[in-house]
C-alpha atoms as a PDB file:
ATOM      1  CA  MET A   1      15.634   5.115  -4.967  1.00  0.00           C
ATOM      2  CA  ILE A   2      15.700   1.309  -5.078  1.00  0.00           C
ATOM      3  CA  GLY A   3      13.605  -0.396  -2.427  1.00  0.00           C
ATOM      4  CA  LEU A   4      10.871  -2.874  -1.961  1.00  0.00           C
ATOM      5  CA  LEU A   5       7.447  -2.253  -3.372  1.00  0.00           C
ATOM      6  CA  PRO A   6       5.564  -1.498  -0.145  1.00  0.00           C
ATOM      7  CA  GLY A   7       4.127  -4.618   1.468  1.00  0.00           C
ATOM      8  CA  SER A   8       5.922  -6.896  -0.993  1.00  0.00           C
ATOM      9  CA  THR A   9       9.154  -8.804  -1.576  1.00  0.00           C
ATOM     10  CA  ILE A  10       9.668  -7.142  -4.980  1.00  0.00           C
ATOM     11  CA  GLU A  11      12.632  -4.834  -5.438  1.00  0.00           C
ATOM     12  CA  VAL A  12      11.858  -1.741  -7.581  1.00  0.00           C
ATOM     13  CA  GLU A  13      12.947   1.738  -8.405  1.00  0.00           C
ATOM     14  CA  LEU A  14      10.313   3.588  -6.403  1.00  0.00           C
ATOM     15  CA  SER A  15      11.040   7.038  -7.809  1.00  0.00           C
ATOM     16  CA  HIS A  16       9.411   6.126 -11.137  1.00  0.00           C
ATOM     17  CA  PRO A  17       5.725   7.180 -11.073  1.00  0.00           C
ATOM     18  CA  GLY A  18       3.407   4.314 -11.920  1.00  0.00           C
ATOM     19  CA  VAL A  19       5.911   1.642 -11.037  1.00  0.00           C
ATOM     20  CA  ALA A  20       3.410  -0.452  -9.053  1.00  0.00           C
ATOM     21  CA  ASP A  21       0.870  -0.407 -11.828  1.00  0.00           C
ATOM     22  CA  ARG A  22       3.397  -1.264 -14.522  1.00  0.00           C
ATOM     23  CA  LEU A  23       4.793  -4.113 -12.500  1.00  0.00           C
ATOM     24  CA  LEU A  24       1.625  -5.644 -11.107  1.00  0.00           C
ATOM     25  CA  ALA A  25      -0.942  -5.184 -13.933  1.00  0.00           C
ATOM     26  CA  PRO A  26       0.587  -7.865 -16.237  1.00  0.00           C
ATOM     27  CA  MET A  27       0.384 -10.461 -13.474  1.00  0.00           C
ATOM     28  CA  PHE A  28      -3.430 -10.361 -13.730  1.00  0.00           C
ATOM     29  CA  ILE A  29      -3.770 -10.898 -17.461  1.00  0.00           C
ATOM     30  CA  PRO A  30      -4.196 -14.685 -17.038  1.00  0.00           C
ATOM     31  CA  GLY A  31      -7.132 -14.124 -14.636  1.00  0.00           C
ATOM     32  CA  GLY A  32      -5.757 -13.656 -11.155  1.00  0.00           C
ATOM     33  CA  LEU A  33      -3.188 -15.111  -8.785  1.00  0.00           C
ATOM     34  CA  VAL A  34      -3.405 -18.280  -6.703  1.00  0.00           C
ATOM     35  CA  LEU A  35      -2.629 -18.216  -2.987  1.00  0.00           C
ATOM     36  CA  SER A  36       0.982 -19.410  -3.374  1.00  0.00           C
ATOM     37  CA  GLN A  37       1.691 -16.492  -5.809  1.00  0.00           C
ATOM     38  CA  VAL A  38       0.124 -13.955  -3.504  1.00  0.00           C
ATOM     39  CA  ALA A  39       2.145 -15.369  -0.585  1.00  0.00           C
ATOM     40  CA  GLU A  40       5.358 -15.111  -2.612  1.00  0.00           C
ATOM     41  CA  ILE A  41       4.659 -11.511  -3.671  1.00  0.00           C
ATOM     42  CA  THR A  42       3.672 -10.333  -0.188  1.00  0.00           C
ATOM     43  CA  GLY A  43       6.082 -12.458   1.800  1.00  0.00           C
ATOM     44  CA  LEU A  44       3.150 -13.496   4.008  1.00  0.00           C
ATOM     45  CA  ALA A  45       2.443 -17.055   5.049  1.00  0.00           C
ATOM     46  CA  PRO A  46      -0.527 -18.547   3.229  1.00  0.00           C
ATOM     47  CA  HIS A  47      -2.340 -19.172   6.538  1.00  0.00           C
ATOM     48  CA  THR A  48      -1.982 -15.475   7.375  1.00  0.00           C
ATOM     49  CA  ILE A  49      -3.614 -14.453   4.110  1.00  0.00           C
ATOM     50  CA  GLN A  50      -6.399 -16.995   4.605  1.00  0.00           C
ATOM     51  CA  ASN A  51      -6.878 -15.759   8.181  1.00  0.00           C
ATOM     52  CA  TRP A  52      -7.246 -12.177   6.942  1.00  0.00           C
ATOM     53  CA  VAL A  53      -9.791 -13.312   4.377  1.00  0.00           C
ATOM     54  CA  LYS A  54     -11.665 -15.310   7.070  1.00  0.00           C
ATOM     55  CA  ARG A  55     -11.709 -12.228   9.362  1.00  0.00           C
ATOM     56  CA  GLY A  56     -13.115 -10.077   6.561  1.00  0.00           C
ATOM     57  CA  PHE A  57     -10.079  -7.850   6.107  1.00  0.00           C
ATOM     58  CA  VAL A  58      -9.767  -9.009   2.477  1.00  0.00           C
ATOM     59  CA  PRO A  59     -12.578 -10.164   0.216  1.00  0.00           C
ATOM     60  CA  PRO A  60     -12.467 -13.895  -0.516  1.00  0.00           C
ATOM     61  CA  PRO A  61     -10.868 -15.050  -3.776  1.00  0.00           C
ATOM     62  CA  ARG A  62     -13.129 -16.126  -6.600  1.00  0.00           C
ATOM     63  CA  GLY A  63     -12.484 -19.614  -7.833  1.00  0.00           C
ATOM     64  CA  LYS A  64      -9.287 -19.724  -5.709  1.00  0.00           C
ATOM     65  CA  ARG A  65      -7.905 -16.715  -7.651  1.00  0.00           C
ATOM     66  CA  TYR A  66      -7.110 -13.352  -6.134  1.00  0.00           C
ATOM     67  CA  ALA A  67      -7.904 -10.203  -8.140  1.00  0.00           C
ATOM     68  CA  ARG A  68      -5.739  -7.102  -8.349  1.00  0.00           C
ATOM     69  CA  ASP A  69      -7.748  -5.186  -5.701  1.00  0.00           C
ATOM     70  CA  GLN A  70      -7.366  -8.053  -3.263  1.00  0.00           C
ATOM     71  CA  LEU A  71      -3.581  -8.135  -3.762  1.00  0.00           C
ATOM     72  CA  SER A  72      -3.437  -4.352  -3.397  1.00  0.00           C
ATOM     73  CA  ARG A  73      -5.392  -4.551  -0.103  1.00  0.00           C
ATOM     74  CA  LEU A  74      -3.038  -7.215   1.121  1.00  0.00           C
ATOM     75  CA  LEU A  75      -0.009  -5.094   0.142  1.00  0.00           C
ATOM     76  CA  ILE A  76      -1.436  -2.039   1.949  1.00  0.00           C
ATOM     77  CA  ILE A  77      -2.140  -4.069   5.126  1.00  0.00           C
ATOM     78  CA  ASN A  78       1.269  -5.714   4.998  1.00  0.00           C
ATOM     79  CA  ALA A  79       3.021  -2.380   4.437  1.00  0.00           C
ATOM     80  CA  LEU A  80       1.298  -0.670   7.406  1.00  0.00           C
ATOM     81  CA  LYS A  81       0.736  -3.529   9.879  1.00  0.00           C
ATOM     82  CA  ASP A  82       3.885  -2.909  11.863  1.00  0.00           C
ATOM     83  CA  SER A  83       2.750   0.617  12.852  1.00  0.00           C
ATOM     84  CA  LEU A  84      -1.056   0.453  12.724  1.00  0.00           C
ATOM     85  CA  GLN A  85      -3.584  -2.139  13.910  1.00  0.00           C
ATOM     86  CA  ILE A  86      -5.134  -4.022  11.031  1.00  0.00           C
ATOM     87  CA  GLU A  87      -8.598  -2.828  12.066  1.00  0.00           C
ATOM     88  CA  SER A  88      -7.319   0.748  11.733  1.00  0.00           C
ATOM     89  CA  ILE A  89      -5.863   0.044   8.271  1.00  0.00           C
ATOM     90  CA  ILE A  90      -9.148  -1.382   7.100  1.00  0.00           C
ATOM     91  CA  ALA A  91     -10.999   1.664   8.498  1.00  0.00           C
ATOM     92  CA  LEU A  92      -8.490   3.971   6.710  1.00  0.00           C
ATOM     93  CA  ILE A  93      -9.003   2.137   3.407  1.00  0.00           C
ATOM     94  CA  ALA A  94     -12.771   2.304   3.844  1.00  0.00           C
ATOM     95  CA  HIS A  95     -12.558   6.012   4.642  1.00  0.00           C
ATOM     96  CA  ALA A  96     -10.562   6.676   1.470  1.00  0.00           C
ATOM     97  CA  ARG A  97     -12.951   4.661  -0.657  1.00  0.00           C
ATOM     98  CA  ALA A  98     -15.981   6.408   0.876  1.00  0.00           C
ATOM     99  CA  HIS A  99     -14.782   9.777  -0.382  1.00  0.00           C
ATOM    100  CA  MET A 100     -14.011   8.807  -3.911  1.00  0.00           C
ATOM    101  CA  ASP A 101     -15.802   7.916  -7.077  1.00  0.00           C
ATOM    102  CA  GLU A 102     -16.730   4.260  -6.459  1.00  0.00           C
ATOM    103  CA  HIS A 103     -16.069   3.325 -10.080  1.00  0.00           C
ATOM    104  CA  ALA A 104     -12.697   4.932 -10.311  1.00  0.00           C
ATOM    105  CA  MET A 105     -11.103   4.199  -6.939  1.00  0.00           C
ATOM    106  CA  GLY A 106     -10.487   0.744  -5.614  1.00  0.00           C
ATOM    107  CA  ASP A 107      -7.770  -0.609  -3.468  1.00  0.00           C
ATOM    108  CA  THR A 108      -5.510  -0.821  -6.547  1.00  0.00           C
ATOM    109  CA  LEU A 109      -5.692   2.864  -7.299  1.00  0.00           C
ATOM    110  CA  LEU A 110      -5.232   3.745  -3.638  1.00  0.00           C
ATOM    111  CA  TYR A 111      -2.135   1.516  -3.530  1.00  0.00           C
ATOM    112  CA  ASN A 112      -0.846   3.140  -6.741  1.00  0.00           C
ATOM    113  CA  HIS A 113      -1.246   6.630  -5.272  1.00  0.00           C
ATOM    114  CA  PHE A 114       0.483   5.427  -2.098  1.00  0.00           C
ATOM    115  CA  THR A 115       3.499   3.981  -3.954  1.00  0.00           C
ATOM    116  CA  ASP A 116       3.734   7.032  -6.221  1.00  0.00           C
ATOM    117  CA  ALA A 117       3.715   9.361  -3.198  1.00  0.00           C
ATOM    118  CA  LEU A 118       6.287   7.168  -1.464  1.00  0.00           C
ATOM    119  CA  GLY A 119       8.517   7.373  -4.533  1.00  0.00           C
ATOM    120  CA  ALA A 120       8.161  11.107  -4.654  1.00  0.00           C
ATOM    121  CA  LEU A 121       8.943  11.419  -0.976  1.00  0.00           C
ATOM    122  CA  GLY A 122      12.411   9.933  -1.246  1.00  0.00           C
ATOM    123  CA  THR A 123      14.415   8.732   1.742  1.00  0.00           C
ATOM    124  CA  GLY A 124      14.860  10.035   5.237  1.00  0.00           C
ATOM    125  CA  VAL A 125      12.440  11.209   7.852  1.00  0.00           C
ATOM    126  CA  PRO A 126       9.603  13.051   6.053  1.00  0.00           C
ATOM    127  CA  THR A 127       8.491  16.517   7.098  1.00  0.00           C
ATOM    128  CA  ARG A 128       4.825  17.438   6.993  1.00  0.00           C
ATOM    129  CA  SER A 129       5.379  19.712   3.978  1.00  0.00           C
ATOM    130  CA  ALA A 130       7.354  16.943   2.140  1.00  0.00           C
ATOM    131  CA  LEU A 131       4.478  14.535   2.827  1.00  0.00           C
ATOM    132  CA  ARG A 132       1.930  17.008   1.458  1.00  0.00           C
ATOM    133  CA  THR A 133       4.017  17.759  -1.634  1.00  0.00           C
ATOM    134  CA  ALA A 134       4.529  14.006  -2.370  1.00  0.00           C
ATOM    135  CA  VAL A 135       0.853  13.208  -1.911  1.00  0.00           C
ATOM    136  CA  GLU A 136      -0.300  16.150  -4.017  1.00  0.00           C
ATOM    137  CA  ALA A 137       2.101  15.067  -6.787  1.00  0.00           C
ATOM    138  CA  SER A 138       0.676  11.520  -6.711  1.00  0.00           C
ATOM    139  CA  LEU A 139      -2.831  13.008  -7.058  1.00  0.00           C
ATOM    140  CA  ALA A 140      -2.052  15.392  -9.907  1.00  0.00           C
ATOM    141  CA  ASP A 141      -4.646  13.748 -12.156  1.00  0.00           C
ATOM    142  CA  TYR A 142      -7.209  13.005  -9.496  1.00  0.00           C
ATOM    143  CA  ALA A 143     -10.701  14.340 -10.186  1.00  0.00           C
ATOM    144  CA  GLU A 144     -12.847  14.939  -7.137  1.00  0.00           C
ATOM    145  CA  PRO A 145     -16.290  13.280  -7.284  1.00  0.00           C
ATOM    146  CA  TYR A 146     -17.468  16.070  -4.920  1.00  0.00           C
ATOM    147  CA  ALA A 147     -15.912  19.081  -3.148  1.00  0.00           C
ATOM    148  CA  GLY A 148     -13.647  18.102  -0.325  1.00  0.00           C
ATOM    149  CA  ALA A 149     -12.919  14.554  -1.426  1.00  0.00           C
ATOM    150  CA  LYS A 150      -9.324  15.327  -2.433  1.00  0.00           C
ATOM    151  CA  VAL A 151      -8.512  16.811   0.991  1.00  0.00           C
ATOM    152  CA  ARG A 152      -9.774  13.632   2.659  1.00  0.00           C
ATOM    153  CA  LEU A 153      -7.748  11.466   0.317  1.00  0.00           C
ATOM    154  CA  ILE A 154      -4.692  13.601   0.976  1.00  0.00           C
ATOM    155  CA  ASN A 155      -5.146  13.071   4.699  1.00  0.00           C
ATOM    156  CA  VAL A 156      -5.443   9.252   4.249  1.00  0.00           C
ATOM    157  CA  LEU A 157      -2.352   9.091   2.125  1.00  0.00           C
ATOM    158  CA  GLU A 158      -0.389  11.214   4.576  1.00  0.00           C
ATOM    159  CA  ILE A 159      -1.348   8.794   7.377  1.00  0.00           C
ATOM    160  CA  MET A 160      -0.307   5.839   5.201  1.00  0.00           C
ATOM    161  CA  LEU A 161       3.068   7.472   4.390  1.00  0.00           C
ATOM    162  CA  LEU A 162       3.742   8.336   8.043  1.00  0.00           C
ATOM    163  CA  ALA A 163       2.812   4.797   9.203  1.00  0.00           C
ATOM    164  CA  TYR A 164       5.006   3.242   6.540  1.00  0.00           C
ATOM    165  CA  SER A 165       7.910   5.591   7.293  1.00  0.00           C
ATOM    166  CA  SER A 166       7.542   4.668  10.955  1.00  0.00           C
ATOM    167  CA  SER A 167       7.751   0.969  10.116  1.00  0.00           C
ATOM    168  CA  VAL A 168      10.879   1.485   8.003  1.00  0.00           C
ATOM    169  CA  LEU A 169      12.547   3.554  10.730  1.00  0.00           C
ATOM    170  CA  HIS A 170      11.693   0.886  13.294  1.00  0.00           C
ATOM    171  CA  GLN A 171      13.142  -1.875  11.084  1.00  0.00           C
ATOM    172  CA  ASN A 172      16.356   0.142  10.561  1.00  0.00           C
ATOM    173  CA  ALA A 173      16.726   0.738  14.267  1.00  0.00           C
ATOM    174  CA  GLU A 174      16.267  -3.016  14.900  1.00  0.00           C
ATOM    175  CA  ARG A 175      18.979  -3.831  12.304  1.00  0.00           C
ATOM    176  CA  LEU A 176      21.377  -1.319  13.887  1.00  0.00           C
ATOM    177  CA  LEU A 177      20.656  -2.752  17.323  1.00  0.00           C
ATOM    178  CA  LYS A 178      21.436  -6.292  16.128  1.00  0.00           C
ATOM    179  CA  ALA A 179      24.660  -4.996  14.544  1.00  0.00           C
ATOM    180  CA  LEU A 180      25.775  -3.801  17.985  1.00  0.00           C
ATOM    181  CA  ASP A 181      25.607  -7.410  19.104  1.00  0.00           C
ATOM    182  CA  LEU A 182      24.266  -6.525  22.570  1.00  0.00           C
END
C-alpha cells in the first residue's frame, strides 16, 4: 500500500515493516537536520515547529539541529493533530514512554511501531480486532520491562491508529465533498 509516511510529505510503501527506520535513519548520519529540512519532511511551516518547541511539545534542537527523536515526535504530532488535541498527543506519548524501558524506547521507536502497525493494518476502516492484530504484529520483538507494559503500549498504539484513521477518513470525505462542487 503506497501512501505517505504518517505526518510527513514522503511517499512510501507502508506495508514493508521497518520502512520508517530504513528511510529516516540515514538522514541523521551527518548529525541532525536543520529547521528547513524538518519543515520539508513534515510539511509544517517553520514557525509552527518553532512554536511547538517554544510550548514544550518538542524538545529544543541542539546547535540548531534536530535529532531523530525530535523529528519522530513532530511526525507523531503532525499525523494525529487533526483528530486529537496536541496536549492529548503529548500525554499519549508520555504514557507510552512511562511504561517502557527508558533506554530502549524513545519517540523514534514509538513512531516505528506506529508506522509498522499502520502498514500491517492496510486500507479501509479498521475493526478493533484488525487494530489489535496489526499492533501485536508491530510489537513482535518487544520485550516488556515489567509485567503489563506491553498491554499499555498496545492501547497507546491502538489509539494512535484510530486517531490517524479518523484523520484520513476526514480528509477523504473533504476531498469527495469538494469534488461535488457544492
